[in-house]
Amino acid sequence: MFRVRKKPVIVQAIQVKEDFEVETLEGTMKGKAYDYLVRGIEGELYPVDRTIFLKTYEHLDGSTILLDR
């Protein structure tokens, strides 16, 4: 086995202010208020927990990615 680095990809995301559901490739998934809805590189949609999103994504256009809670 050898070491590799995952290629950085740019995706679209929006923070959702209320609980939501989205159809994903794995079926219906639920997001909580203030989680993020992400559109992947193949156009697929999936929820990302707010805490995980803030640890693993960075905003590219300089505006804030946090909503007041």
PDB file of N, CA and C in Angstrom:
ATOM      1  N   MET A   1       0.847  -1.172   0.000  1.00  0.00           N
ATOM      2  CA  MET A   1       0.000   0.000   0.000  1.00  0.00           C
ATOM      3  C   MET A   1       0.897   1.241   0.000  1.00  0.00           C
ATOM      4  N   PHE A   2       0.451   2.310  -0.635  1.00  0.00           N
ATOM      5  CA  PHE A   2       1.234   3.536  -0.674  1.00  0.00           C
ATOM      6  C   PHE A   2       0.393   4.717  -0.218  1.00  0.00           C
ATOM      7  N   ARG A   3       1.074   5.779   0.143  1.00  0.00           N
ATOM      8  CA  ARG A   3       0.379   6.972   0.637  1.00  0.00           C
ATOM      9  C   ARG A   3      -0.049   7.848  -0.528  1.00  0.00           C
ATOM     10  N   VAL A   4      -1.211   8.453  -0.393  1.00  0.00           N
ATOM     11  CA  VAL A   4      -1.733   9.369  -1.411  1.00  0.00           C
ATOM     12  C   VAL A   4      -2.358  10.573  -0.710  1.00  0.00           C
ATOM     13  N   ARG A   5      -2.570  11.640  -1.468  1.00  0.00           N
ATOM     14  CA  ARG A   5      -3.257  12.810  -0.951  1.00  0.00           C
ATOM     15  C   ARG A   5      -4.519  13.011  -1.775  1.00  0.00           C
ATOM     16  N   LYS A   6      -5.624  13.237  -1.109  1.00  0.00           N
ATOM     17  CA  LYS A   6      -6.877  13.490  -1.804  1.00  0.00           C
ATOM     18  C   LYS A   6      -6.785  14.840  -2.511  1.00  0.00           C
ATOM     19  N   LYS A   7      -7.190  14.871  -3.781  1.00  0.00           N
ATOM     20  CA  LYS A   7      -7.152  16.106  -4.554  1.00  0.00           C
ATOM     21  C   LYS A   7      -8.151  17.110  -3.992  1.00  0.00           C
ATOM     22  N   PRO A   8      -7.749  18.364  -3.885  1.00  0.00           N
ATOM     23  CA  PRO A   8      -8.717  19.367  -3.443  1.00  0.00           C
ATOM     24  C   PRO A   8      -9.728  19.641  -4.559  1.00  0.00           C
ATOM     25  N   VAL A   9     -10.978  19.681  -4.202  1.00  0.00           N
ATOM     26  CA  VAL A   9     -12.036  19.998  -5.161  1.00  0.00           C
ATOM     27  C   VAL A   9     -12.872  21.134  -4.600  1.00  0.00           C
ATOM     28  N   ILE A  10     -13.421  21.932  -5.482  1.00  0.00           N
ATOM     29  CA  ILE A  10     -14.282  23.027  -5.067  1.00  0.00           C
ATOM     30  C   ILE A  10     -15.727  22.582  -5.252  1.00  0.00           C
ATOM     31  N   VAL A  11     -16.513  22.729  -4.198  1.00  0.00           N
ATOM     32  CA  VAL A  11     -17.927  22.372  -4.229  1.00  0.00           C
ATOM     33  C   VAL A  11     -18.746  23.588  -3.800  1.00  0.00           C
ATOM     34  N   GLN A  12     -20.036  23.512  -4.025  1.00  0.00           N
ATOM     35  CA  GLN A  12     -20.936  24.568  -3.583  1.00  0.00           C
ATOM     36  C   GLN A  12     -21.608  24.118  -2.296  1.00  0.00           C
ATOM     37  N   ALA A  13     -21.880  25.079  -1.407  1.00  0.00           N
ATOM     38  CA  ALA A  13     -22.546  24.756  -0.152  1.00  0.00           C
ATOM     39  C   ALA A  13     -23.392  25.930   0.313  1.00  0.00           C
ATOM     40  N   ILE A  14     -24.417  25.599   1.075  1.00  0.00           N
ATOM     41  CA  ILE A  14     -25.256  26.618   1.693  1.00  0.00           C
ATOM     42  C   ILE A  14     -25.631  26.123   3.083  1.00  0.00           C
ATOM     43  N   GLN A  15     -25.656  27.058   4.034  1.00  0.00           N
ATOM     44  CA  GLN A  15     -26.084  26.702   5.369  1.00  0.00           C
ATOM     45  C   GLN A  15     -27.605  26.843   5.433  1.00  0.00           C
ATOM     46  N   VAL A  16     -28.258  25.814   5.946  1.00  0.00           N
ATOM     47  CA  VAL A  16     -29.716  25.774   5.984  1.00  0.00           C
ATOM     48  C   VAL A  16     -30.182  26.099   7.404  1.00  0.00           C
ATOM     49  N   LYS A  17     -31.126  27.018   7.526  1.00  0.00           N
ATOM     50  CA  LYS A  17     -31.541  27.526   8.832  1.00  0.00           C
ATOM     51  C   LYS A  17     -32.505  26.616   9.588  1.00  0.00           C
ATOM     52  N   GLU A  18     -33.053  25.603   8.942  1.00  0.00           N
ATOM     53  CA  GLU A  18     -34.011  24.720   9.614  1.00  0.00           C
ATOM     54  C   GLU A  18     -33.720  23.275   9.246  1.00  0.00           C
ATOM     55  N   ASP A  19     -34.290  22.339  10.000  1.00  0.00           N
ATOM     56  CA  ASP A  19     -34.118  20.918   9.684  1.00  0.00           C
ATOM     57  C   ASP A  19     -34.531  20.669   8.237  1.00  0.00           C
ATOM     58  N   PHE A  20     -33.855  19.740   7.565  1.00  0.00           N
ATOM     59  CA  PHE A  20     -34.162  19.461   6.163  1.00  0.00           C
ATOM     60  C   PHE A  20     -33.864  18.013   5.825  1.00  0.00           C
ATOM     61  N   GLU A  21     -34.424  17.573   4.707  1.00  0.00           N
ATOM     62  CA  GLU A  21     -34.146  16.245   4.148  1.00  0.00           C
ATOM     63  C   GLU A  21     -33.719  16.424   2.705  1.00  0.00           C
ATOM     64  N   VAL A  22     -32.857  15.553   2.235  1.00  0.00           N
ATOM     65  CA  VAL A  22     -32.392  15.621   0.854  1.00  0.00           C
ATOM     66  C   VAL A  22     -32.208  14.197   0.327  1.00  0.00           C
ATOM     67  N   GLU A  23     -32.578  13.997  -0.932  1.00  0.00           N
ATOM     68  CA  GLU A  23     -32.346  12.708  -1.582  1.00  0.00           C
ATOM     69  C   GLU A  23     -30.885  12.650  -2.026  1.00  0.00           C
ATOM     70  N   THR A  24     -30.179  11.638  -1.578  1.00  0.00           N
ATOM     71  CA  THR A  24     -28.776  11.459  -1.932  1.00  0.00           C
ATOM     72  C   THR A  24     -28.618  10.162  -2.709  1.00  0.00           C
ATOM     73  N   LEU A  25     -27.404   9.878  -3.125  1.00  0.00           N
ATOM     74  CA  LEU A  25     -27.129   8.614  -3.808  1.00  0.00           C
ATOM     75  C   LEU A  25     -27.366   7.420  -2.879  1.00  0.00           C
ATOM     76  N   GLU A  26     -27.321   7.647  -1.568  1.00  0.00           N
ATOM     77  CA  GLU A  26     -27.528   6.593  -0.588  1.00  0.00           C
ATOM     78  C   GLU A  26     -28.954   6.562  -0.046  1.00  0.00           C
ATOM     79  N   GLY A  27     -29.839   7.417  -0.558  1.00  0.00           N
ATOM     80  CA  GLY A  27     -31.211   7.492  -0.056  1.00  0.00           C
ATOM     81  C   GLY A  27     -31.467   8.834   0.609  1.00  0.00           C
ATOM     82  N   THR A  28     -32.574   8.938   1.325  1.00  0.00           N
ATOM     83  CA  THR A  28     -32.940  10.182   1.994  1.00  0.00           C
ATOM     84  C   THR A  28     -32.075  10.377   3.236  1.00  0.00           C
ATOM     85  N   MET A  29     -31.460  11.556   3.341  1.00  0.00           N
ATOM     86  CA  MET A  29     -30.655  11.897   4.513  1.00  0.00           C
ATOM     87  C   MET A  29     -31.225  13.157   5.138  1.00  0.00           C
ATOM     88  N   LYS A  30     -31.087  13.260   6.443  1.00  0.00           N
ATOM     89  CA  LYS A  30     -31.600  14.407   7.183  1.00  0.00           C
ATOM     90  C   LYS A  30     -30.462  15.311   7.620  1.00  0.00           C
ATOM     91  N   GLY A  31     -30.724  16.615   7.556  1.00  0.00           N
ATOM     92  CA  GLY A  31     -29.809  17.605   8.089  1.00  0.00           C
ATOM     93  C   GLY A  31     -30.514  18.375   9.187  1.00  0.00           C
ATOM     94  N   LYS A  32     -29.752  18.843  10.163  1.00  0.00           N
ATOM     95  CA  LYS A  32     -30.306  19.627  11.257  1.00  0.00           C
ATOM     96  C   LYS A  32     -30.206  21.111  10.924  1.00  0.00           C
ATOM     97  N   ALA A  33     -30.947  21.917  11.649  1.00  0.00           N
ATOM     98  CA  ALA A  33     -30.852  23.364  11.479  1.00  0.00           C
ATOM     99  C   ALA A  33     -29.393  23.794  11.613  1.00  0.00           C
ATOM    100  N   TYR A  34     -28.937  24.628  10.708  1.00  0.00           N
ATOM    101  CA  TYR A  34     -27.578  25.186  10.639  1.00  0.00           C
ATOM    102  C   TYR A  34     -26.532  24.208  10.122  1.00  0.00           C
ATOM    103  N   ASP A  35     -26.938  23.017   9.681  1.00  0.00           N
ATOM    104  CA  ASP A  35     -26.034  22.153   8.931  1.00  0.00           C
ATOM    105  C   ASP A  35     -25.902  22.724   7.522  1.00  0.00           C
ATOM    106  N   TYR A  36     -25.030  22.133   6.730  1.00  0.00           N
ATOM    107  CA  TYR A  36     -24.796  22.610   5.371  1.00  0.00           C
ATOM    108  C   TYR A  36     -25.301  21.607   4.354  1.00  0.00           C
ATOM    109  N   LEU A  37     -25.803  22.126   3.254  1.00  0.00           N
ATOM    110  CA  LEU A  37     -26.182  21.316   2.108  1.00  0.00           C
ATOM    111  C   LEU A  37     -25.111  21.535   1.056  1.00  0.00           C
ATOM    112  N   VAL A  38     -24.448  20.463   0.645  1.00  0.00           N
ATOM    113  CA  VAL A  38     -23.309  20.545  -0.267  1.00  0.00           C
ATOM    114  C   VAL A  38     -23.668  19.883  -1.591  1.00  0.00           C
ATOM    115  N   ARG A  39     -23.257  20.516  -2.685  1.00  0.00           N
ATOM    116  CA  ARG A  39     -23.391  19.930  -4.020  1.00  0.00           C
ATOM    117  C   ARG A  39     -22.006  19.445  -4.426  1.00  0.00           C
ATOM    118  N   GLY A  40     -21.874  18.133  -4.619  1.00  0.00           N
ATOM    119  CA  GLY A  40     -20.587  17.530  -4.942  1.00  0.00           C
ATOM    120  C   GLY A  40     -20.184  17.719  -6.396  1.00  0.00           C
ATOM    121  N   ILE A  41     -19.050  17.148  -6.764  1.00  0.00           N
ATOM    122  CA  ILE A  41     -18.477  17.355  -8.094  1.00  0.00           C
ATOM    123  C   ILE A  41     -19.282  16.713  -9.211  1.00  0.00           C
ATOM    124  N   GLU A  42     -20.154  15.764  -8.882  1.00  0.00           N
ATOM    125  CA  GLU A  42     -21.024  15.144  -9.885  1.00  0.00           C
ATOM    126  C   GLU A  42     -22.443  15.708  -9.830  1.00  0.00           C
ATOM    127  N   GLY A  43     -22.641  16.792  -9.048  1.00  0.00           N
ATOM    128  CA  GLY A  43     -23.958  17.395  -8.923  1.00  0.00           C
ATOM    129  C   GLY A  43     -24.811  16.791  -7.827  1.00  0.00           C
ATOM    130  N   GLU A  44     -24.284  15.791  -7.131  1.00  0.00           N
ATOM    131  CA  GLU A  44     -25.031  15.142  -6.062  1.00  0.00           C
ATOM    132  C   GLU A  44     -25.143  16.076  -4.844  1.00  0.00           C
ATOM    133  N   LEU A  45     -26.227  15.932  -4.093  1.00  0.00           N
ATOM    134  CA  LEU A  45     -26.454  16.733  -2.897  1.00  0.00           C
ATOM    135  C   LEU A  45     -26.300  15.865  -1.667  1.00  0.00           C
ATOM    136  N   TYR A  46     -25.745  16.449  -0.597  1.00  0.00           N
ATOM    137  CA  TYR A  46     -25.651  15.729   0.667  1.00  0.00           C
ATOM    138  C   TYR A  46     -25.510  16.718   1.818  1.00  0.00           C
ATOM    139  N   PRO A  47     -26.062  16.359   2.993  1.00  0.00           N
ATOM    140  CA  PRO A  47     -25.913  17.226   4.158  1.00  0.00           C
ATOM    141  C   PRO A  47     -24.568  16.993   4.834  1.00  0.00           C
ATOM    142  N   VAL A  48     -24.029  18.051   5.419  1.00  0.00           N
ATOM    143  CA  VAL A  48     -22.797  17.955   6.207  1.00  0.00           C
ATOM    144  C   VAL A  48     -23.061  18.634   7.547  1.00  0.00           C
ATOM    145  N   ASP A  49     -22.807  17.922   8.622  1.00  0.00           N
ATOM    146  CA  ASP A  49     -22.971  18.466   9.958  1.00  0.00           C
ATOM    147  C   ASP A  49     -22.166  19.764  10.094  1.00  0.00           C
ATOM    148  N   ARG A  50     -22.747  20.765  10.747  1.00  0.00           N
ATOM    149  CA  ARG A  50     -22.124  22.088  10.880  1.00  0.00           C
ATOM    150  C   ARG A  50     -20.711  21.994  11.466  1.00  0.00           C
ATOM    151  N   THR A  51     -20.526  21.218  12.528  1.00  0.00           N
ATOM    152  CA  THR A  51     -19.219  21.102  13.174  1.00  0.00           C
ATOM    153  C   THR A  51     -18.193  20.494  12.230  1.00  0.00           C
ATOM    154  N   ILE A  52     -18.568  19.439  11.519  1.00  0.00           N
ATOM    155  CA  ILE A  52     -17.669  18.796  10.557  1.00  0.00           C
ATOM    156  C   ILE A  52     -17.358  19.751   9.410  1.00  0.00           C
ATOM    157  N   PHE A  53     -18.376  20.448   8.916  1.00  0.00           N
ATOM    158  CA  PHE A  53     -18.179  21.387   7.813  1.00  0.00           C
ATOM    159  C   PHE A  53     -17.139  22.440   8.187  1.00  0.00           C
ATOM    160  N   LEU A  54     -17.269  23.025   9.364  1.00  0.00           N
ATOM    161  CA  LEU A  54     -16.359  24.096   9.772  1.00  0.00           C
ATOM    162  C   LEU A  54     -14.929  23.602   9.979  1.00  0.00           C
ATOM    163  N   LYS A  55     -14.761  22.317  10.269  1.00  0.00           N
ATOM    164  CA  LYS A  55     -13.422  21.746  10.442  1.00  0.00           C
ATOM    165  C   LYS A  55     -12.786  21.357   9.117  1.00  0.00           C
ATOM    166  N   THR A  56     -13.588  21.082   8.082  1.00  0.00           N
ATOM    167  CA  THR A  56     -13.030  20.492   6.864  1.00  0.00           C
ATOM    168  C   THR A  56     -13.167  21.335   5.607  1.00  0.00           C
ATOM    169  N   TYR A  57     -13.941  22.409   5.648  1.00  0.00           N
ATOM    170  CA  TYR A  57     -14.124  23.257   4.477  1.00  0.00           C
ATOM    171  C   TYR A  57     -13.652  24.665   4.781  1.00  0.00           C
ATOM    172  N   GLU A  58     -13.201  25.383   3.738  1.00  0.00           N
ATOM    173  CA  GLU A  58     -12.867  26.790   3.885  1.00  0.00           C
ATOM    174  C   GLU A  58     -13.602  27.582   2.820  1.00  0.00           C
ATOM    175  N   HIS A  59     -13.971  28.804   3.163  1.00  0.00           N
ATOM    176  CA  HIS A  59     -14.729  29.663   2.263  1.00  0.00           C
ATOM    177  C   HIS A  59     -13.768  30.348   1.300  1.00  0.00           C
ATOM    178  N   LEU A  60     -14.102  30.423   0.026  1.00  0.00           N
ATOM    179  CA  LEU A  60     -13.174  30.944  -0.976  1.00  0.00           C
ATOM    180  C   LEU A  60     -13.388  32.407  -1.353  1.00  0.00           C
ATOM    181  N   ASP A  61     -14.599  32.950  -1.200  1.00  0.00           N
ATOM    182  CA  ASP A  61     -14.826  34.310  -1.695  1.00  0.00           C
ATOM    183  C   ASP A  61     -14.724  35.389  -0.624  1.00  0.00           C
ATOM    184  N   GLY A  62     -14.291  35.041   0.570  1.00  0.00           N
ATOM    185  CA  GLY A  62     -14.050  36.045   1.599  1.00  0.00           C
ATOM    186  C   GLY A  62     -15.241  36.362   2.490  1.00  0.00           C
ATOM    187  N   SER A  63     -16.441  35.941   2.108  1.00  0.00           N
ATOM    188  CA  SER A  63     -17.587  36.204   2.973  1.00  0.00           C
ATOM    189  C   SER A  63     -17.660  35.130   4.057  1.00  0.00           C
ATOM    190  N   THR A  64     -18.454  35.395   5.064  1.00  0.00           N
ATOM    191  CA  THR A  64     -18.545  34.468   6.196  1.00  0.00           C
ATOM    192  C   THR A  64     -19.312  33.203   5.822  1.00  0.00           C
ATOM    193  N   ILE A  65     -18.980  32.092   6.475  1.00  0.00           N
ATOM    194  CA  ILE A  65     -19.730  30.858   6.261  1.00  0.00           C
ATOM    195  C   ILE A  65     -20.602  30.539   7.455  1.00  0.00           C
ATOM    196  N   LEU A  66     -20.615  31.405   8.460  1.00  0.00           N
ATOM    197  CA  LEU A  66     -21.397  31.154   9.655  1.00  0.00           C
ATOM    198  C   LEU A  66     -22.648  32.000   9.677  1.00  0.00           C
ATOM    199  N   LEU A  67     -23.737  31.408  10.079  1.00  0.00           N
ATOM    200  CA  LEU A  67     -24.952  32.174  10.348  1.00  0.00           C
ATOM    201  C   LEU A  67     -25.063  32.349  11.846  1.00  0.00           C
ATOM    202  N   ASP A  68     -25.582  33.485  12.294  1.00  0.00           N
ATOM    203  CA  ASP A  68     -25.815  33.667  13.720  1.00  0.00           C
ATOM    204  C   ASP A  68     -26.792  32.620  14.207  1.00  0.00           C
ATOM    205  N   ARG A  69     -26.550  32.136  15.362  1.00  0.00           N
ATOM    206  CA  ARG A  69     -27.393  31.069  15.880  1.00  0.00           C
ATOM    207  C   ARG A  69     -27.961  31.468  17.197  1.00  0.00           C
TER     208      ARG A  69
END
